[in-house]
Amino acid sequence: MHLVKIGLTLLSTEIGQLVQLEGLFLNNNKLTTLPAEIGHLSHELDLDLGGNLLRSIPNEIKQCFRL
């Protein structure tokens, strides 16, 4: 899923239901936080969060992804 440079400021908690997702590209938006539910996604997921305004990363992500 490519949601790049669209001014995204919030990611829905429902993102955690997309367990079959293989790629999530959220780079160059205006995200400041991420929902803990993002940790439900596959740890094989390609995840790009670069260019956002993130202040912290939920522990659920740290446990599931190699950062």
Protein backbone atom coordinates (compact mmCIF):
# COMPACT_ATOMS: atom_id res chain seq x y z
CA MET A 1 0.00 0.00 0.00
CA HIS A 2 1.51 3.30 -1.10
CA LEU A 3 0.29 6.38 0.81
CA VAL A 4 3.23 8.64 -0.01
CA LYS A 5 3.26 12.46 0.11
CA ILE A 6 -0.47 12.86 0.69
CA GLY A 7 -0.34 14.92 3.87
CA LEU A 8 -1.49 12.02 6.04
CA THR A 9 -1.68 13.10 9.69
CA LEU A 10 -3.38 10.06 11.25
CA LEU A 11 -3.28 6.33 10.62
CA SER A 12 -6.42 4.42 11.60
CA THR A 13 -6.25 1.66 14.20
CA GLU A 14 -7.90 -0.53 11.56
CA ILE A 15 -4.51 -0.80 9.84
CA GLY A 16 -3.85 -3.76 12.14
CA GLN A 17 -6.55 -5.77 10.35
CA LEU A 18 -4.56 -5.80 7.10
CA VAL A 19 -2.50 -8.82 8.15
CA GLN A 20 -1.87 -9.92 4.54
CA LEU A 21 -0.25 -6.60 3.66
CA GLU A 22 3.24 -7.03 2.18
CA GLY A 23 4.30 -3.39 1.95
CA LEU A 24 3.27 -0.19 3.70
CA PHE A 25 4.84 2.98 2.39
CA LEU A 26 3.87 6.01 4.44
CA ASN A 27 6.91 8.16 3.76
CA ASN A 28 6.87 11.95 3.48
CA ASN A 29 3.60 12.57 5.28
CA LYS A 30 2.82 14.41 8.53
CA LEU A 31 2.40 11.49 10.90
CA THR A 32 3.37 12.26 14.50
CA THR A 33 2.18 8.99 16.08
CA LEU A 34 1.34 5.47 14.99
CA PRO A 35 -1.38 3.21 16.40
CA ALA A 36 -0.20 0.23 18.45
CA GLU A 37 -2.29 -1.96 16.13
CA ILE A 38 0.36 -1.57 13.44
CA GLY A 39 2.20 -4.24 15.42
CA HIS A 40 -0.38 -6.81 14.24
CA LEU A 41 1.05 -6.64 10.72
CA SER A 42 3.46 -9.25 9.43
CA HIS A 43 7.08 -8.82 10.46
CA GLU A 44 7.93 -9.63 6.82
CA LEU A 45 6.27 -6.34 5.86
CA ASP A 46 8.26 -3.70 4.00
CA LEU A 47 7.60 -0.59 6.11
CA ASP A 48 8.73 2.93 5.15
CA LEU A 49 8.02 5.74 7.62
CA GLY A 50 10.76 8.14 6.54
CA GLY A 51 10.09 11.85 6.23
CA ASN A 52 7.36 11.99 8.88
CA LEU A 53 7.22 13.87 12.17
CA LEU A 54 7.16 10.81 14.43
CA ARG A 55 7.95 11.54 18.07
CA SER A 56 8.06 7.91 19.17
CA ILE A 57 7.50 4.40 17.89
CA PRO A 58 5.06 2.08 19.70
CA ASN A 59 6.65 -0.86 21.51
CA GLU A 60 4.47 -3.19 19.42
CA ILE A 61 6.39 -2.13 16.33
CA LYS A 62 9.75 -2.51 18.01
CA GLN A 63 8.85 -6.10 18.91
CA CYS A 64 7.64 -7.06 15.43
CA PHE A 65 10.00 -5.34 13.03
CA ARG A 66 13.74 -5.19 12.63
CA LEU A 67 14.54 -1.50 12.86
